[in-house]
Amino acid sequence: MARMPGTAVHDAPPPTPQEQALDRKGGPGHTLLMALALAIPTVKVAYTVGGGEPARDVFVGMELGNWPDVLIGMLLTEPALGSVFGVVVSRVVFALFAARGSVPNGGGVAQAARRVALTLVNPVAVGIIAACFYGPWWGLGTAVVAYALRLGVVSGRRWEQGLSLLLTVVVLPLLAFGSALDGKAWTSVLECQVQEGTRNTSQQLIELGRKGNGVVGWSLDTEEVVNGAGCVDTGSLRVRSAWW
């Protein structure tokens, strides 16, 4: 059957060798994820505690090994950010493996079954994680979008690759910086007893770490790293007004 001008009856061709080479290096998603993982925790802490000098004290107080806790805390408390992050990570990981030949392209029932299994496993995993932290609808949406973008890696459909690029270079950075500047702490805000000389005072602390029976935290009252005891959760993460 002849094809009418201006119409298409087939999907776009599979990824070119150049596109596969880009995916093998991680593509824009890999680069952006690395940049966000470094920049976003810094922005979050600096805005939340009020500037560069307090932020330095916070990072020293929480120790370098706890740096990822800021990013993890943001992902756990912001459903949209966590879900989009999961989708992007799922797509980047799959693209890396596909570019290295881990996803079979041949015919046959066994190859098709393996291809389906490899395409499904990570979307299902990120969907389960999202459902556990944010609820079943977030989990379902995350799994469906992650699966759709993985099909784009296999089939080379341009709209799926375009959606992946939009989520990676536009939506994810906007959500990340929006969360970093929302004025909420990345972890628990506690009401603790803090010893100041010979007297104890009640202060609100952003928890930075646990030391024995106490807490190391950033005091919102005295703007310094202190040790707190007898802490209770305030029930709110709000520290200051959002930037916007």
C-alpha atoms as a PDB file:
ATOM      1  CA  MET A   1       0.000   0.000   0.000  1.00  0.00           C
ATOM      2  CA  ALA A   2       1.337   3.388  -0.976  1.00  0.00           C
ATOM      3  CA  ARG A   3       2.019   5.834   1.772  1.00  0.00           C
ATOM      4  CA  MET A   4       0.450   9.287   1.506  1.00  0.00           C
ATOM      5  CA  PRO A   5       2.894  12.180   1.535  1.00  0.00           C
ATOM      6  CA  GLY A   6       3.426  13.696   4.934  1.00  0.00           C
ATOM      7  CA  THR A   7       2.283  10.573   6.851  1.00  0.00           C
ATOM      8  CA  ALA A   8       4.222   7.811   8.581  1.00  0.00           C
ATOM      9  CA  VAL A   9       3.185   4.201   9.036  1.00  0.00           C
ATOM     10  CA  HIS A  10       6.217   3.012  10.941  1.00  0.00           C
ATOM     11  CA  ASP A  11       7.914   3.981  14.157  1.00  0.00           C
ATOM     12  CA  ALA A  12      11.131   5.918  13.991  1.00  0.00           C
ATOM     13  CA  PRO A  13      14.264   3.864  13.315  1.00  0.00           C
ATOM     14  CA  PRO A  14      16.316   2.459  16.193  1.00  0.00           C
ATOM     15  CA  PRO A  15      18.937   4.688  17.795  1.00  0.00           C
ATOM     16  CA  THR A  16      21.895   5.521  15.588  1.00  0.00           C
ATOM     17  CA  PRO A  17      25.479   4.547  16.542  1.00  0.00           C
ATOM     18  CA  GLN A  18      26.034   8.167  17.595  1.00  0.00           C
ATOM     19  CA  GLU A  19      23.009   8.047  19.921  1.00  0.00           C
ATOM     20  CA  GLN A  20      24.160   4.724  21.333  1.00  0.00           C
ATOM     21  CA  ALA A  21      27.607   6.189  21.973  1.00  0.00           C
ATOM     22  CA  LEU A  22      25.980   9.100  23.829  1.00  0.00           C
ATOM     23  CA  ASP A  23      23.901   6.711  25.939  1.00  0.00           C
ATOM     24  CA  ARG A  24      27.016   4.641  26.635  1.00  0.00           C
ATOM     25  CA  LYS A  25      28.518   7.723  28.276  1.00  0.00           C
ATOM     26  CA  GLY A  26      25.312   8.344  30.194  1.00  0.00           C
ATOM     27  CA  GLY A  27      23.955  11.088  27.952  1.00  0.00           C
ATOM     28  CA  PRO A  28      22.635  14.386  29.315  1.00  0.00           C
ATOM     29  CA  GLY A  29      20.792  12.593  32.108  1.00  0.00           C
ATOM     30  CA  HIS A  30      23.987  11.202  33.616  1.00  0.00           C
ATOM     31  CA  THR A  31      25.732  14.583  33.495  1.00  0.00           C
ATOM     32  CA  LEU A  32      22.758  16.468  34.915  1.00  0.00           C
ATOM     33  CA  LEU A  33      22.192  13.978  37.735  1.00  0.00           C
ATOM     34  CA  MET A  34      25.802  14.365  38.823  1.00  0.00           C
ATOM     35  CA  ALA A  35      25.546  18.159  38.729  1.00  0.00           C
ATOM     36  CA  LEU A  36      22.271  18.206  40.677  1.00  0.00           C
ATOM     37  CA  ALA A  37      23.594  15.769  43.279  1.00  0.00           C
ATOM     38  CA  LEU A  38      26.383  18.232  44.063  1.00  0.00           C
ATOM     39  CA  ALA A  39      24.573  21.541  43.683  1.00  0.00           C
ATOM     40  CA  ILE A  40      21.127  20.906  45.144  1.00  0.00           C
ATOM     41  CA  PRO A  41      22.199  19.866  48.693  1.00  0.00           C
ATOM     42  CA  THR A  42      24.401  22.966  48.871  1.00  0.00           C
ATOM     43  CA  VAL A  43      21.590  25.279  47.757  1.00  0.00           C
ATOM     44  CA  LYS A  44      19.120  23.571  50.101  1.00  0.00           C
ATOM     45  CA  VAL A  45      21.311  23.959  53.169  1.00  0.00           C
ATOM     46  CA  ALA A  46      22.489  27.475  52.334  1.00  0.00           C
ATOM     47  CA  TYR A  47      18.976  28.836  51.852  1.00  0.00           C
ATOM     48  CA  THR A  48      17.464  26.943  54.783  1.00  0.00           C
ATOM     49  CA  VAL A  49      20.022  28.033  57.389  1.00  0.00           C
ATOM     50  CA  GLY A  50      20.556  31.532  55.988  1.00  0.00           C
ATOM     51  CA  GLY A  51      23.741  31.798  53.952  1.00  0.00           C
ATOM     52  CA  GLY A  52      27.189  30.495  53.103  1.00  0.00           C
ATOM     53  CA  GLU A  53      28.874  30.716  56.501  1.00  0.00           C
ATOM     54  CA  PRO A  54      26.073  28.910  58.370  1.00  0.00           C
ATOM     55  CA  ALA A  55      25.991  26.325  55.574  1.00  0.00           C
ATOM     56  CA  ARG A  56      29.703  25.616  56.080  1.00  0.00           C
ATOM     57  CA  ASP A  57      29.086  25.062  59.788  1.00  0.00           C
ATOM     58  CA  VAL A  58      26.204  22.706  59.002  1.00  0.00           C
ATOM     59  CA  PHE A  59      28.235  20.578  56.603  1.00  0.00           C
ATOM     60  CA  VAL A  60      31.117  20.409  59.076  1.00  0.00           C
ATOM     61  CA  GLY A  61      28.681  19.453  61.822  1.00  0.00           C
ATOM     62  CA  MET A  62      27.019  16.707  59.803  1.00  0.00           C
ATOM     63  CA  GLU A  63      30.376  15.385  58.479  1.00  0.00           C
ATOM     64  CA  LEU A  64      31.154  14.827  54.814  1.00  0.00           C
ATOM     65  CA  GLY A  65      29.848  11.253  54.797  1.00  0.00           C
ATOM     66  CA  ASN A  66      26.362  12.566  55.610  1.00  0.00           C
ATOM     67  CA  TRP A  67      26.249  14.953  52.623  1.00  0.00           C
ATOM     68  CA  PRO A  68      23.895  12.590  50.680  1.00  0.00           C
ATOM     69  CA  ASP A  69      21.442  12.774  53.594  1.00  0.00           C
ATOM     70  CA  VAL A  70      20.356  16.224  52.394  1.00  0.00           C
ATOM     71  CA  LEU A  71      19.471  14.945  48.921  1.00  0.00           C
ATOM     72  CA  ILE A  72      17.854  11.795  50.298  1.00  0.00           C
ATOM     73  CA  GLY A  73      15.780  13.851  52.719  1.00  0.00           C
ATOM     74  CA  MET A  74      14.531  16.049  49.872  1.00  0.00           C
ATOM     75  CA  LEU A  75      13.601  13.036  47.746  1.00  0.00           C
ATOM     76  CA  LEU A  76      11.719  11.368  50.604  1.00  0.00           C
ATOM     77  CA  THR A  77       9.632  14.424  51.470  1.00  0.00           C
ATOM     78  CA  GLU A  78       8.801  15.731  47.972  1.00  0.00           C
ATOM     79  CA  PRO A  79       6.686  13.235  45.945  1.00  0.00           C
ATOM     80  CA  ALA A  80       6.967  15.046  42.589  1.00  0.00           C
ATOM     81  CA  LEU A  81      10.733  15.438  42.887  1.00  0.00           C
ATOM     82  CA  GLY A  82      11.237  11.854  44.060  1.00  0.00           C
ATOM     83  CA  SER A  83       9.062  10.390  41.311  1.00  0.00           C
ATOM     84  CA  VAL A  84      10.671  12.353  38.474  1.00  0.00           C
ATOM     85  CA  PHE A  85      14.120  11.574  39.882  1.00  0.00           C
ATOM     86  CA  GLY A  86      13.229   7.859  39.918  1.00  0.00           C
ATOM     87  CA  VAL A  87      12.006   8.007  36.313  1.00  0.00           C
ATOM     88  CA  VAL A  88      15.162   9.757  35.107  1.00  0.00           C
ATOM     89  CA  VAL A  89      17.475   7.390  36.985  1.00  0.00           C
ATOM     90  CA  SER A  90      15.578   4.381  35.613  1.00  0.00           C
ATOM     91  CA  ARG A  91      15.922   5.664  32.045  1.00  0.00           C
ATOM     92  CA  VAL A  92      19.620   6.573  32.398  1.00  0.00           C
ATOM     93  CA  VAL A  93      20.512   3.179  33.884  1.00  0.00           C
ATOM     94  CA  PHE A  94      18.599   1.321  31.170  1.00  0.00           C
ATOM     95  CA  ALA A  95      20.177   3.424  28.401  1.00  0.00           C
ATOM     96  CA  LEU A  96      23.646   2.656  29.767  1.00  0.00           C
ATOM     97  CA  PHE A  97      22.990  -1.089  29.719  1.00  0.00           C
ATOM     98  CA  ALA A  98      21.244  -0.978  26.334  1.00  0.00           C
ATOM     99  CA  ALA A  99      24.158   0.895  24.773  1.00  0.00           C
ATOM    100  CA  ARG A 100      26.484  -1.825  26.027  1.00  0.00           C
ATOM    101  CA  GLY A 101      24.415  -4.564  24.396  1.00  0.00           C
ATOM    102  CA  SER A 102      22.744  -5.930  27.518  1.00  0.00           C
ATOM    103  CA  VAL A 103      19.276  -5.642  25.967  1.00  0.00           C
ATOM    104  CA  PRO A 104      18.708  -8.249  23.221  1.00  0.00           C
ATOM    105  CA  ASN A 105      17.440  -6.974  19.860  1.00  0.00           C
ATOM    106  CA  GLY A 106      17.012 -10.263  17.998  1.00  0.00           C
ATOM    107  CA  GLY A 107      13.810 -12.158  17.260  1.00  0.00           C
ATOM    108  CA  GLY A 108      12.490 -15.276  18.901  1.00  0.00           C
ATOM    109  CA  VAL A 109      10.340 -15.889  21.957  1.00  0.00           C
ATOM    110  CA  ALA A 110      13.270 -16.196  24.382  1.00  0.00           C
ATOM    111  CA  GLN A 111      14.873 -12.933  23.246  1.00  0.00           C
ATOM    112  CA  ALA A 112      11.531 -11.120  23.338  1.00  0.00           C
ATOM    113  CA  ALA A 113      10.797 -12.412  26.849  1.00  0.00           C
ATOM    114  CA  ARG A 114      14.222 -11.330  28.066  1.00  0.00           C
ATOM    115  CA  ARG A 115      13.801  -7.917  26.458  1.00  0.00           C
ATOM    116  CA  VAL A 116      10.407  -7.428  28.148  1.00  0.00           C
ATOM    117  CA  ALA A 117      11.786  -8.535  31.521  1.00  0.00           C
ATOM    118  CA  LEU A 118      14.769  -6.171  31.303  1.00  0.00           C
ATOM    119  CA  THR A 119      12.487  -3.338  30.228  1.00  0.00           C
ATOM    120  CA  LEU A 120      10.049  -3.902  33.096  1.00  0.00           C
ATOM    121  CA  VAL A 121      12.259  -4.600  36.087  1.00  0.00           C
ATOM    122  CA  ASN A 122      13.444  -1.085  36.947  1.00  0.00           C
ATOM    123  CA  PRO A 123      10.131   0.718  36.266  1.00  0.00           C
ATOM    124  CA  VAL A 124       8.410  -1.749  38.569  1.00  0.00           C
ATOM    125  CA  ALA A 125      11.117  -1.226  41.199  1.00  0.00           C
ATOM    126  CA  VAL A 126      10.939   2.585  41.139  1.00  0.00           C
ATOM    127  CA  GLY A 127       7.145   2.358  41.135  1.00  0.00           C
ATOM    128  CA  ILE A 128       7.195   0.210  44.275  1.00  0.00           C
ATOM    129  CA  ILE A 129       9.575   2.632  45.987  1.00  0.00           C
ATOM    130  CA  ALA A 130       7.388   5.616  45.066  1.00  0.00           C
ATOM    131  CA  ALA A 131       4.269   3.794  46.273  1.00  0.00           C
ATOM    132  CA  CYS A 132       5.880   3.017  49.626  1.00  0.00           C
ATOM    133  CA  PHE A 133       6.907   6.628  50.287  1.00  0.00           C
ATOM    134  CA  TYR A 134       4.232   8.685  48.497  1.00  0.00           C
ATOM    135  CA  GLY A 135       1.219   6.415  47.984  1.00  0.00           C
ATOM    136  CA  PRO A 136      -0.128   3.990  45.346  1.00  0.00           C
ATOM    137  CA  TRP A 137      -1.069   6.590  42.712  1.00  0.00           C
ATOM    138  CA  TRP A 138       2.393   8.125  42.762  1.00  0.00           C
ATOM    139  CA  GLY A 139       3.820   4.620  42.465  1.00  0.00           C
ATOM    140  CA  LEU A 140       1.619   3.723  39.497  1.00  0.00           C
ATOM    141  CA  GLY A 141       2.368   6.961  37.675  1.00  0.00           C
ATOM    142  CA  THR A 142       6.099   6.625  38.256  1.00  0.00           C
ATOM    143  CA  ALA A 143       6.151   3.042  36.967  1.00  0.00           C
ATOM    144  CA  VAL A 144       4.097   3.852  33.851  1.00  0.00           C
ATOM    145  CA  VAL A 145       6.209   6.865  32.828  1.00  0.00           C
ATOM    146  CA  ALA A 146       9.469   5.023  33.544  1.00  0.00           C
ATOM    147  CA  TYR A 147       8.300   2.099  31.395  1.00  0.00           C
ATOM    148  CA  ALA A 148       7.229   4.393  28.537  1.00  0.00           C
ATOM    149  CA  LEU A 149      10.634   6.063  28.455  1.00  0.00           C
ATOM    150  CA  ARG A 150      12.366   2.694  28.467  1.00  0.00           C
ATOM    151  CA  LEU A 151      10.362   1.703  25.403  1.00  0.00           C
ATOM    152  CA  GLY A 152      11.824   4.795  23.749  1.00  0.00           C
ATOM    153  CA  VAL A 153      15.322   3.410  24.305  1.00  0.00           C
ATOM    154  CA  VAL A 154      14.363   0.087  22.678  1.00  0.00           C
ATOM    155  CA  SER A 155      12.218   1.372  19.802  1.00  0.00           C
ATOM    156  CA  GLY A 156      13.869   4.716  19.121  1.00  0.00           C
ATOM    157  CA  ARG A 157      10.544   6.591  19.139  1.00  0.00           C
ATOM    158  CA  ARG A 158      11.328  10.277  19.000  1.00  0.00           C
ATOM    159  CA  TRP A 159       8.428  11.481  21.155  1.00  0.00           C
ATOM    160  CA  GLU A 160       9.510   9.185  23.990  1.00  0.00           C
ATOM    161  CA  GLN A 161      13.094  10.379  23.701  1.00  0.00           C
ATOM    162  CA  GLY A 162      11.833  13.977  23.601  1.00  0.00           C
ATOM    163  CA  LEU A 163       9.779  13.430  26.763  1.00  0.00           C
ATOM    164  CA  SER A 164      12.824  11.921  28.451  1.00  0.00           C
ATOM    165  CA  LEU A 165      14.900  14.970  27.516  1.00  0.00           C
ATOM    166  CA  LEU A 166      12.169  17.314  28.796  1.00  0.00           C
ATOM    167  CA  LEU A 167      11.974  15.531  32.146  1.00  0.00           C
ATOM    168  CA  THR A 168      15.753  15.395  32.459  1.00  0.00           C
ATOM    169  CA  VAL A 169      16.847  18.900  31.500  1.00  0.00           C
ATOM    170  CA  VAL A 170      13.757  20.963  32.400  1.00  0.00           C
ATOM    171  CA  VAL A 171      11.330  19.340  34.844  1.00  0.00           C
ATOM    172  CA  LEU A 172      13.845  17.677  37.176  1.00  0.00           C
ATOM    173  CA  PRO A 173      16.052  20.791  37.650  1.00  0.00           C
ATOM    174  CA  LEU A 174      12.993  22.994  38.231  1.00  0.00           C
ATOM    175  CA  LEU A 175      11.581  20.629  40.839  1.00  0.00           C
ATOM    176  CA  ALA A 176      14.989  20.227  42.481  1.00  0.00           C
ATOM    177  CA  PHE A 177      15.667  23.945  42.807  1.00  0.00           C
ATOM    178  CA  GLY A 178      12.059  24.558  43.834  1.00  0.00           C
ATOM    179  CA  SER A 179      12.470  22.071  46.658  1.00  0.00           C
ATOM    180  CA  ALA A 180      15.850  23.545  47.613  1.00  0.00           C
ATOM    181  CA  LEU A 181      14.309  27.005  48.005  1.00  0.00           C
ATOM    182  CA  ASP A 182      11.007  26.067  49.668  1.00  0.00           C
ATOM    183  CA  GLY A 183      12.160  26.992  53.168  1.00  0.00           C
ATOM    184  CA  LYS A 184      11.656  23.485  54.583  1.00  0.00           C
ATOM    185  CA  ALA A 185      14.327  21.477  56.385  1.00  0.00           C
ATOM    186  CA  TRP A 186      15.624  18.338  54.689  1.00  0.00           C
ATOM    187  CA  THR A 187      15.303  16.356  57.915  1.00  0.00           C
ATOM    188  CA  SER A 188      13.487  16.458  61.257  1.00  0.00           C
ATOM    189  CA  VAL A 189      13.096  19.727  63.148  1.00  0.00           C
ATOM    190  CA  LEU A 190      13.291  18.921  66.863  1.00  0.00           C
ATOM    191  CA  GLU A 191      12.600  20.702  70.116  1.00  0.00           C
ATOM    192  CA  CYS A 192      15.585  19.906  72.352  1.00  0.00           C
ATOM    193  CA  GLN A 193      17.153  20.845  75.643  1.00  0.00           C
ATOM    194  CA  VAL A 194      20.502  22.542  75.032  1.00  0.00           C
ATOM    195  CA  GLN A 195      23.001  23.323  77.764  1.00  0.00           C
ATOM    196  CA  GLU A 196      24.392  26.852  77.644  1.00  0.00           C
ATOM    197  CA  GLY A 197      26.950  27.224  80.360  1.00  0.00           C
ATOM    198  CA  THR A 198      25.182  26.342  83.607  1.00  0.00           C
ATOM    199  CA  ARG A 199      21.610  26.547  82.328  1.00  0.00           C
ATOM    200  CA  ASN A 200      19.440  24.537  79.962  1.00  0.00           C
ATOM    201  CA  THR A 201      17.325  26.156  77.291  1.00  0.00           C
ATOM    202  CA  SER A 202      14.728  24.784  74.908  1.00  0.00           C
ATOM    203  CA  GLN A 203      15.738  25.283  71.276  1.00  0.00           C
ATOM    204  CA  GLN A 204      14.596  24.129  67.858  1.00  0.00           C
ATOM    205  CA  LEU A 205      17.229  22.106  66.015  1.00  0.00           C
ATOM    206  CA  ILE A 206      17.557  20.790  62.494  1.00  0.00           C
ATOM    207  CA  GLU A 207      18.890  17.297  63.146  1.00  0.00           C
ATOM    208  CA  LEU A 208      22.340  16.718  61.665  1.00  0.00           C
ATOM    209  CA  GLY A 209      23.248  13.465  63.377  1.00  0.00           C
ATOM    210  CA  ARG A 210      22.884  11.277  66.439  1.00  0.00           C
ATOM    211  CA  LYS A 211      25.499  11.083  69.180  1.00  0.00           C
ATOM    212  CA  GLY A 212      24.712   8.524  71.859  1.00  0.00           C
ATOM    213  CA  ASN A 213      21.417   9.506  73.466  1.00  0.00           C
ATOM    214  CA  GLY A 214      21.576  13.040  72.091  1.00  0.00           C
ATOM    215  CA  VAL A 215      21.372  14.911  68.828  1.00  0.00           C
ATOM    216  CA  VAL A 216      23.807  17.124  66.965  1.00  0.00           C
ATOM    217  CA  GLY A 217      21.799  19.830  65.261  1.00  0.00           C
ATOM    218  CA  TRP A 218      21.698  23.311  63.834  1.00  0.00           C
ATOM    219  CA  SER A 219      19.990  25.601  66.328  1.00  0.00           C
ATOM    220  CA  LEU A 220      17.437  27.878  64.719  1.00  0.00           C
ATOM    221  CA  ASP A 221      17.531  30.022  67.852  1.00  0.00           C
ATOM    222  CA  THR A 222      21.263  30.617  68.275  1.00  0.00           C
ATOM    223  CA  GLU A 223      22.331  29.830  64.656  1.00  0.00           C
ATOM    224  CA  GLU A 224      25.100  27.433  65.565  1.00  0.00           C
ATOM    225  CA  VAL A 225      25.754  23.698  65.781  1.00  0.00           C
ATOM    226  CA  VAL A 226      24.840  22.431  69.247  1.00  0.00           C
ATOM    227  CA  ASN A 227      24.228  19.199  71.149  1.00  0.00           C
ATOM    228  CA  GLY A 228      20.640  18.566  72.182  1.00  0.00           C
ATOM    229  CA  ALA A 229      19.014  16.118  74.606  1.00  0.00           C
ATOM    230  CA  GLY A 230      15.446  15.113  75.419  1.00  0.00           C
ATOM    231  CA  CYS A 231      14.355  15.935  71.878  1.00  0.00           C
ATOM    232  CA  VAL A 232      10.827  15.712  70.501  1.00  0.00           C
ATOM    233  CA  ASP A 233       9.697  16.173  66.905  1.00  0.00           C
ATOM    234  CA  THR A 234       7.971  19.496  66.223  1.00  0.00           C
ATOM    235  CA  GLY A 235       5.820  17.896  63.522  1.00  0.00           C
ATOM    236  CA  SER A 236       6.779  20.470  60.884  1.00  0.00           C
ATOM    237  CA  LEU A 237       9.702  20.929  58.495  1.00  0.00           C
ATOM    238  CA  ARG A 238       8.995  24.621  57.908  1.00  0.00           C
ATOM    239  CA  VAL A 239      12.010  26.791  58.835  1.00  0.00           C
ATOM    240  CA  ARG A 240      11.546  29.976  56.797  1.00  0.00           C
ATOM    241  CA  SER A 241       9.370  31.352  54.020  1.00  0.00           C
ATOM    242  CA  ALA A 242       9.857  29.957  50.548  1.00  0.00           C
ATOM    243  CA  TRP A 243      12.144  31.977  48.274  1.00  0.00           C
ATOM    244  CA  TRP A 244       9.330  32.788  45.893  1.00  0.00           C
END
